[in-house]
Amino acid sequence: MTVVKNLIYLTLSLICLICISLLILFSTQRSNIEVIAITDCKSDSKLTVYCGFTNPEDMVVLPDKKNLLVSEFGALPPMNPENLPGRISLFDTDTLEIKPIKISPGENEWGHANCTRSDSIFSPHGIDLIKRNDGRYQLAVVNHMPRETIEMFELTDVQNTWSLIWKGCIDAPELGYFNDVALKKDGTFYVSHMYDRDKSLLWLVYATYVTIDTGFVYQWDADRGYQKVSGTEGSYPNGVELSLDENYLFTNYILNRKTSKLDLESGVVVQEHMGAGMPDNLTIDGEFIWVATQDHTGTDLLLHCGSDDILQCSLPFTIFKLRQSDLSEVAVFSFSNTAIGSVTVAVPDKDRVWLGTFHGDRMASFDIN
């Protein structure tokens, strides 16, 4: 009986120690950020906003340089109790209208033969669009419902109307939990694995405050399946992009607060950009790369944006324009107490930079000039 009591006391003591440690970390990680309450859809002197979205987490410019394809994020555990569906939509940058995009079933041409779909429910996250070697446009979508997959679509333009044709899917590895995807012109891809999908919220909070390696980047092709990319280990890998020559892989690590440039042939990280904020998605722009960075801590996010009834989180953010060659800073745009926050992506098009968020009802833009 004494042994059992001692084990109980030891267990309770360890639990208390962990809770106290997390409480100390939580309190010390809080910053002096001030946020404004956003209750309407109004632009301000810094940003123009466009409402009517649900968590427009990622976006790409379509070939007409007029429309943006937008991934409207649902939700995923353990940050939420359950997965929630989202949608893929269009935003016309000329008329400033949100438009639906038709998704039609097609042949499983670009996925794995064993990956099938029985419904049209999607929970999209990171996306990428490329012009393939055969001249067709391929869209890859990180998807969390009804299971973890990469979904492939062909983007088509018929009589000036964009639509998507489903072209297959690839199931994630058993514990794979994906964030963003980068396509090659041959249809293979790289995808960031954030952390094992069986991890608890308590573990994620711990990882946030002590900055341990949680994930890495996979490469996938039909012959070998998923292969871990050497040199990509880090704390919460997020956005991924390929250089135009496909020789270098750029990866954002949220908790390491860095962007890395990996030489894919040697497996060596050749450049890094370190910042004070948490870098999210990346966008290739010729010789440059744009990085959307959230300038807050995990504690700030929980305190100011943890409630479901918050219309739009207004936490500060910074947009970096970097040179691909050495990740040096070309331009820096910082925002606080504006009409959008928790920005996850910055996409340049027509002298403006278009912004999305993982927590809010709007996109925004600002004039580059």
Protein backbone atom coordinates (compact mmCIF):
# COMPACT_ATOMS: atom_id res chain seq x y z
CA MET A 1 0.00 0.00 0.00
CA THR A 2 2.86 2.35 0.83
CA VAL A 3 4.37 1.73 -2.60
CA VAL A 4 1.05 2.53 -4.30
CA LYS A 5 0.67 5.75 -2.27
CA ASN A 6 4.20 6.79 -3.15
CA LEU A 7 3.51 6.20 -6.84
CA ILE A 8 0.33 8.26 -6.63
CA TYR A 9 2.14 11.09 -4.83
CA LEU A 10 4.96 10.96 -7.38
CA THR A 11 2.53 11.07 -10.30
CA LEU A 12 0.58 13.97 -8.82
CA SER A 13 3.82 15.82 -8.07
CA LEU A 14 5.01 15.42 -11.64
CA ILE A 15 1.67 16.65 -12.99
CA CYS A 16 1.80 19.67 -10.67
CA LEU A 17 5.40 20.37 -11.69
CA ILE A 18 4.50 20.24 -15.37
CA CYS A 19 1.48 22.51 -14.84
CA ILE A 20 3.52 25.02 -12.83
CA SER A 21 6.29 25.00 -15.46
CA LEU A 22 3.80 25.59 -18.26
CA LEU A 23 2.14 28.36 -16.26
CA ILE A 24 5.51 30.07 -15.77
CA LEU A 25 6.31 29.70 -19.46
CA PHE A 26 2.85 30.99 -20.39
CA SER A 27 3.19 34.09 -18.23
CA THR A 28 6.77 34.89 -19.30
CA GLN A 29 5.91 34.53 -23.00
CA ARG A 30 3.21 37.20 -22.88
CA SER A 31 4.22 40.42 -24.63
CA ASN A 32 2.96 43.99 -24.28
CA ILE A 33 0.98 43.84 -27.51
CA GLU A 34 -2.14 45.99 -27.70
CA VAL A 35 -4.93 44.97 -30.05
CA ILE A 36 -8.04 46.73 -31.23
CA ALA A 37 -11.49 45.17 -31.28
CA ILE A 38 -12.66 44.71 -34.88
CA THR A 39 -16.44 44.68 -35.15
CA ASP A 40 -17.02 45.81 -38.73
CA CYS A 41 -15.64 45.63 -42.26
CA LYS A 42 -13.85 48.92 -42.72
CA SER A 43 -10.56 49.72 -44.41
CA ASP A 44 -8.10 52.06 -42.72
CA SER A 45 -5.23 54.30 -43.80
CA LYS A 46 -2.86 51.32 -44.05
CA LEU A 47 -4.91 48.50 -45.53
CA THR A 48 -7.91 47.92 -47.78
CA VAL A 49 -10.07 45.01 -46.62
CA TYR A 50 -12.42 42.66 -48.48
CA CYS A 51 -14.85 40.73 -46.28
CA GLY A 52 -17.03 37.66 -46.80
CA PHE A 53 -14.35 34.98 -46.42
CA THR A 54 -13.82 32.33 -43.79
CA ASN A 55 -10.15 32.07 -42.82
CA PRO A 56 -8.51 32.78 -46.23
CA GLU A 57 -5.28 31.08 -45.12
CA ASP A 58 -3.45 30.71 -48.47
CA MET A 59 -3.79 31.99 -52.03
CA VAL A 60 -2.16 31.94 -55.46
CA VAL A 61 -2.40 34.23 -58.48
CA LEU A 62 -4.06 32.61 -61.51
CA PRO A 63 -2.48 32.81 -65.00
CA ASP A 64 -4.72 35.72 -66.02
CA LYS A 65 -3.04 37.87 -63.30
CA LYS A 66 -6.54 38.98 -62.39
CA ASN A 67 -8.00 36.29 -60.15
CA LEU A 68 -6.73 34.86 -56.88
CA LEU A 69 -7.46 31.27 -55.96
CA VAL A 70 -8.12 31.24 -52.21
CA SER A 71 -7.92 28.38 -49.71
CA GLU A 72 -10.48 29.04 -46.96
CA PHE A 73 -9.24 27.09 -43.97
CA GLY A 74 -11.58 25.15 -41.67
CA ALA A 75 -10.01 23.99 -38.41
CA LEU A 76 -7.94 21.08 -37.18
CA PRO A 77 -7.10 19.38 -33.87
CA PRO A 78 -5.56 19.75 -31.38
CA MET A 79 -6.06 23.55 -31.62
CA ASN A 80 -9.76 22.85 -32.21
CA PRO A 81 -11.90 20.00 -30.85
CA GLU A 82 -12.48 18.63 -34.37
CA ASN A 83 -11.75 19.13 -38.04
CA LEU A 84 -14.02 21.58 -39.82
CA PRO A 85 -14.60 21.81 -43.57
CA GLY A 86 -13.56 24.78 -45.68
CA ARG A 87 -13.69 25.68 -49.34
CA ILE A 88 -11.73 26.89 -52.35
CA SER A 89 -12.91 30.14 -53.89
CA LEU A 90 -11.96 32.86 -56.37
CA PHE A 91 -11.37 36.53 -55.77
CA ASP A 92 -11.49 38.90 -58.73
CA THR A 93 -8.96 41.69 -58.10
CA ASP A 94 -10.60 43.90 -60.75
CA THR A 95 -14.23 43.73 -59.59
CA LEU A 96 -13.26 42.89 -55.95
CA GLU A 97 -15.83 40.09 -55.91
CA ILE A 98 -15.67 36.67 -54.25
CA LYS A 99 -16.77 33.97 -56.67
CA PRO A 100 -17.30 30.21 -56.33
CA ILE A 101 -15.23 27.88 -58.47
CA LYS A 102 -16.72 24.74 -59.96
CA ILE A 103 -15.01 21.47 -59.00
CA SER A 104 -15.74 18.49 -61.26
CA PRO A 105 -14.75 14.81 -60.81
CA GLY A 106 -12.13 13.43 -63.15
CA GLU A 107 -9.65 10.61 -63.68
CA ASN A 108 -7.16 9.78 -60.93
CA GLU A 109 -4.25 10.82 -63.14
CA TRP A 110 -1.94 12.71 -60.79
CA GLY A 111 -2.53 10.90 -57.50
CA HIS A 112 -1.90 7.46 -56.04
CA ALA A 113 -3.94 4.58 -57.45
CA ASN A 114 -5.17 3.55 -53.99
CA CYS A 115 -6.40 7.02 -53.01
CA THR A 116 -10.09 7.52 -53.76
CA ARG A 117 -12.88 9.97 -52.85
CA SER A 118 -16.54 9.27 -52.14
CA ASP A 119 -17.67 12.83 -51.36
CA SER A 120 -16.84 16.46 -52.07
CA ILE A 121 -15.99 17.54 -48.51
CA PHE A 122 -12.69 19.38 -48.25
CA SER A 123 -10.78 21.10 -45.47
CA PRO A 124 -8.08 22.93 -47.47
CA HIS A 125 -4.90 24.39 -46.00
CA GLY A 126 -1.76 25.22 -48.03
CA ILE A 127 -1.99 25.26 -51.84
CA ASP A 128 0.35 25.52 -54.82
CA LEU A 129 -0.18 26.03 -58.55
CA ILE A 130 2.31 25.29 -61.33
CA LYS A 131 2.38 25.01 -65.08
CA ARG A 132 3.41 21.43 -65.74
CA ASN A 133 5.95 20.26 -68.27
CA ASP A 134 3.02 19.19 -70.49
CA GLY A 135 1.56 22.72 -70.43
CA ARG A 136 -1.39 22.02 -68.13
CA TYR A 137 -1.96 23.82 -64.83
CA GLN A 138 -1.83 21.64 -61.72
CA LEU A 139 -3.15 22.66 -58.31
CA ALA A 140 -2.08 20.79 -55.16
CA VAL A 141 -4.10 21.21 -51.95
CA VAL A 142 -3.22 20.11 -48.42
CA ASN A 143 -6.52 18.66 -47.20
CA HIS A 144 -7.59 17.56 -43.70
CA MET A 145 -11.04 16.01 -44.38
CA PRO A 146 -12.39 13.39 -44.40
CA ARG A 147 -8.78 12.23 -43.90
CA GLU A 148 -5.30 13.69 -44.35
CA THR A 149 -4.49 13.89 -48.09
CA ILE A 150 -2.90 15.89 -50.84
CA GLU A 151 -5.58 16.60 -53.44
CA MET A 152 -4.69 17.22 -57.08
CA PHE A 153 -6.71 19.30 -59.54
CA GLU A 154 -6.33 20.55 -63.08
CA LEU A 155 -7.08 24.25 -63.44
CA THR A 156 -8.91 25.00 -66.68
CA ASP A 157 -10.16 28.16 -68.39
CA VAL A 158 -13.20 27.65 -70.63
CA GLN A 159 -14.72 30.80 -72.14
CA ASN A 160 -13.03 32.98 -69.52
CA THR A 161 -14.41 30.89 -66.64
CA TRP A 162 -11.98 29.15 -64.29
CA SER A 163 -12.83 25.69 -62.98
CA LEU A 164 -11.12 22.73 -61.32
CA ILE A 165 -11.12 19.07 -62.34
CA TRP A 166 -10.19 16.55 -59.64
CA LYS A 167 -7.17 14.54 -60.79
CA GLY A 168 -6.45 12.28 -57.84
CA CYS A 169 -5.15 12.31 -54.29
CA ILE A 170 -2.33 10.94 -52.14
CA ASP A 171 -2.96 9.74 -48.60
CA ALA A 172 -0.61 11.05 -45.92
CA PRO A 173 1.62 8.69 -43.93
CA GLU A 174 -0.04 7.27 -40.81
CA LEU A 175 1.06 10.11 -38.51
CA GLY A 176 1.48 12.75 -41.22
CA TYR A 177 0.04 16.19 -40.43
CA PHE A 178 0.55 18.53 -43.34
CA ASN A 179 0.59 22.32 -43.68
CA ASP A 180 1.85 23.50 -47.07
CA VAL A 181 2.83 21.99 -50.42
CA ALA A 182 5.26 22.92 -53.23
CA LEU A 183 4.83 21.33 -56.66
CA LYS A 184 7.49 20.44 -59.21
CA LYS A 185 6.77 20.74 -62.92
CA ASP A 186 6.68 16.94 -63.24
CA GLY A 187 3.81 16.72 -60.74
CA THR A 188 5.81 15.46 -57.76
CA PHE A 189 5.88 17.61 -54.65
CA TYR A 190 7.31 18.63 -51.29
CA VAL A 191 5.04 18.97 -48.25
CA SER A 192 5.69 20.26 -44.73
CA HIS A 193 4.92 17.84 -41.90
CA MET A 194 4.18 20.02 -38.85
CA TYR A 195 4.20 17.32 -36.17
CA ASP A 196 2.79 13.82 -35.66
CA ARG A 197 -0.99 13.95 -35.80
CA ASP A 198 -1.39 11.98 -32.54
CA LYS A 199 0.17 14.75 -30.44
CA SER A 200 -1.95 16.37 -27.74
CA LEU A 201 -2.65 20.06 -27.17
CA LEU A 202 -0.53 19.91 -24.00
CA TRP A 203 2.41 18.57 -26.01
CA LEU A 204 1.94 21.31 -28.62
CA VAL A 205 1.93 23.99 -25.90
CA TYR A 206 5.13 22.49 -24.49
CA ALA A 207 6.75 22.44 -27.94
CA THR A 208 5.73 26.06 -28.48
CA TYR A 209 7.53 27.28 -25.38
CA VAL A 210 10.69 25.13 -25.46
CA THR A 211 11.18 25.09 -29.28
CA ILE A 212 11.95 21.42 -29.90
CA ASP A 213 12.09 19.88 -33.37
CA THR A 214 8.56 18.77 -34.21
CA GLY A 215 8.61 17.96 -37.91
CA PHE A 216 10.30 18.11 -41.30
CA VAL A 217 9.54 18.19 -45.04
CA TYR A 218 8.55 15.17 -47.14
CA GLN A 219 9.22 14.65 -50.84
CA TRP A 220 6.74 12.51 -52.76
CA ASP A 221 6.81 10.76 -56.11
CA ALA A 222 4.79 7.82 -57.43
CA ASP A 223 7.72 5.38 -57.42
CA ARG A 224 9.15 5.95 -53.93
CA GLY A 225 6.19 7.45 -52.09
CA TYR A 226 6.99 9.78 -49.19
CA GLN A 227 10.66 10.34 -48.35
CA LYS A 228 11.95 12.57 -45.56
CA VAL A 229 14.10 15.40 -46.94
CA SER A 230 17.44 15.53 -45.12
CA GLY A 231 18.22 18.90 -43.55
CA THR A 232 14.59 20.00 -43.08
CA GLU A 233 14.08 19.10 -39.41
CA GLY A 234 12.80 21.97 -37.29
CA SER A 235 10.17 23.35 -34.96
CA TYR A 236 6.76 23.50 -36.66
CA PRO A 237 7.63 23.55 -40.39
CA ASN A 238 5.03 25.64 -42.19
CA GLY A 239 5.25 27.31 -45.62
CA VAL A 240 7.32 25.65 -48.36
CA GLU A 241 8.32 26.88 -51.83
CA LEU A 242 10.69 25.79 -54.58
CA SER A 243 13.06 28.04 -56.47
CA LEU A 244 12.14 28.46 -60.13
CA ASP A 245 14.98 26.11 -61.16
CA GLU A 246 13.74 23.58 -58.54
CA ASN A 247 17.24 23.29 -57.04
CA TYR A 248 16.44 24.95 -53.71
CA LEU A 249 13.72 24.42 -51.13
CA PHE A 250 12.57 27.33 -48.96
CA THR A 251 10.92 26.45 -45.65
CA ASN A 252 9.44 28.56 -42.87
CA TYR A 253 9.75 27.29 -39.29
CA ILE A 254 7.20 29.00 -37.07
CA LEU A 255 8.72 28.23 -33.68
CA ASN A 256 12.36 28.61 -34.83
CA ARG A 257 11.28 31.98 -36.27
CA LYS A 258 13.32 31.48 -39.41
CA THR A 259 13.21 30.95 -43.17
CA SER A 260 15.75 28.49 -44.56
CA LYS A 261 17.11 27.85 -48.05
CA LEU A 262 18.11 24.22 -48.61
CA ASP A 263 20.32 23.01 -51.46
CA LEU A 264 18.39 19.90 -52.51
CA GLU A 265 21.39 18.26 -54.17
CA SER A 266 23.72 18.51 -51.16
CA GLY A 267 21.09 18.55 -48.40
CA VAL A 268 22.79 21.57 -46.85
CA VAL A 269 21.04 24.71 -45.60
CA VAL A 270 22.91 27.47 -47.44
CA GLN A 271 21.04 30.55 -46.17
CA GLU A 272 18.75 31.52 -43.30
CA HIS A 273 16.67 34.57 -42.49
CA MET A 274 15.99 35.01 -38.78
CA GLY A 275 13.25 37.27 -37.47
CA ALA A 276 11.45 38.23 -34.30
CA GLY A 277 8.10 36.94 -35.56
CA MET A 278 6.70 33.58 -36.62
CA PRO A 279 6.96 33.09 -40.41
CA ASP A 280 3.99 31.39 -42.06
CA ASN A 281 3.57 31.08 -45.84
CA LEU A 282 5.98 31.90 -48.68
CA THR A 283 5.37 33.27 -52.17
CA ILE A 284 7.89 33.13 -55.02
CA ASP A 285 8.07 36.35 -57.07
CA GLY A 286 10.77 36.12 -59.74
CA GLU A 287 14.11 36.56 -57.99
CA PHE A 288 12.35 37.48 -54.74
CA ILE A 289 10.35 35.65 -52.09
CA TRP A 290 7.65 37.13 -49.86
CA VAL A 291 7.26 35.96 -46.26
CA ALA A 292 4.24 36.64 -44.04
CA THR A 293 5.28 36.80 -40.39
CA GLN A 294 3.11 37.00 -37.26
CA ASP A 295 4.67 39.28 -34.63
CA HIS A 296 3.34 37.69 -31.48
CA THR A 297 3.77 34.70 -29.17
CA GLY A 298 1.59 31.66 -28.64
CA THR A 299 0.43 33.23 -25.38
CA ASP A 300 -0.65 36.40 -27.22
CA LEU A 301 -2.64 34.31 -29.68
CA LEU A 302 -4.48 32.47 -26.90
CA LEU A 303 -5.17 35.64 -24.93
CA HIS A 304 -6.32 37.91 -27.76
CA CYS A 305 -7.66 35.55 -30.44
CA GLY A 306 -8.59 32.30 -28.71
CA SER A 307 -12.35 32.87 -28.72
CA ASP A 308 -14.56 31.65 -31.57
CA ASP A 309 -16.72 34.78 -31.36
CA ILE A 310 -13.84 37.07 -32.41
CA LEU A 311 -14.71 38.41 -35.85
CA GLN A 312 -11.13 39.20 -36.85
CA CYS A 313 -7.94 38.90 -34.83
CA SER A 314 -5.88 42.11 -35.00
CA LEU A 315 -2.47 40.90 -33.82
CA PRO A 316 0.53 42.62 -35.48
CA PHE A 317 2.40 41.21 -38.47
CA THR A 318 5.28 41.94 -40.82
CA ILE A 319 5.68 41.20 -44.53
CA PHE A 320 9.24 40.59 -45.73
CA LYS A 321 10.39 40.82 -49.33
CA LEU A 322 13.62 38.80 -49.52
CA ARG A 323 16.12 38.01 -52.24
CA GLN A 324 16.06 34.33 -53.13
CA SER A 325 19.82 34.30 -53.65
CA ASP A 326 20.85 35.13 -50.08
CA LEU A 327 17.58 35.80 -48.18
CA SER A 328 18.62 39.39 -47.60
CA GLU A 329 15.87 41.91 -46.91
CA VAL A 330 14.75 44.03 -49.86
CA ALA A 331 11.71 45.61 -48.18
CA VAL A 332 9.92 45.30 -44.84
CA PHE A 333 6.26 46.24 -44.22
CA SER A 334 5.10 46.17 -40.59
CA PHE A 335 1.51 46.56 -39.38
CA SER A 336 -0.20 46.76 -36.00
CA ASN A 337 -3.72 47.68 -34.87
CA THR A 338 -5.00 47.50 -38.42
CA ALA A 339 -8.15 46.02 -39.94
CA ILE A 340 -6.67 42.51 -40.21
CA GLY A 341 -4.25 40.40 -38.18
CA SER A 342 -2.79 36.89 -37.85
CA VAL A 343 -1.71 37.21 -41.48
CA THR A 344 -0.50 33.98 -43.04
CA VAL A 345 0.25 34.82 -46.68
CA ALA A 346 1.39 37.77 -48.81
CA VAL A 347 0.95 37.57 -52.59
CA PRO A 348 2.13 40.39 -54.88
CA ASP A 349 0.05 41.21 -57.95
CA LYS A 350 -0.58 44.42 -59.90
CA ASP A 351 1.37 46.79 -57.61
CA ARG A 352 -0.44 45.49 -54.55
CA VAL A 353 0.28 42.83 -51.96
CA TRP A 354 -2.72 40.67 -51.09
CA LEU A 355 -2.98 39.28 -47.57
CA GLY A 356 -4.81 36.33 -46.04
CA THR A 357 -5.34 35.10 -42.48
CA PHE A 358 -6.03 31.81 -40.70
CA HIS A 359 -8.45 33.50 -38.27
CA GLY A 360 -10.86 36.01 -39.73
CA ASP A 361 -13.55 36.95 -42.22
CA ARG A 362 -11.43 39.00 -44.64
CA MET A 363 -8.52 39.48 -46.98
CA ALA A 364 -6.63 42.75 -47.25
CA SER A 365 -4.17 44.51 -49.54
CA PHE A 366 -1.71 47.38 -49.54
CA ASP A 367 0.01 49.36 -52.27
CA ILE A 368 3.62 48.29 -52.78
CA ASN A 369 4.51 51.80 -53.91
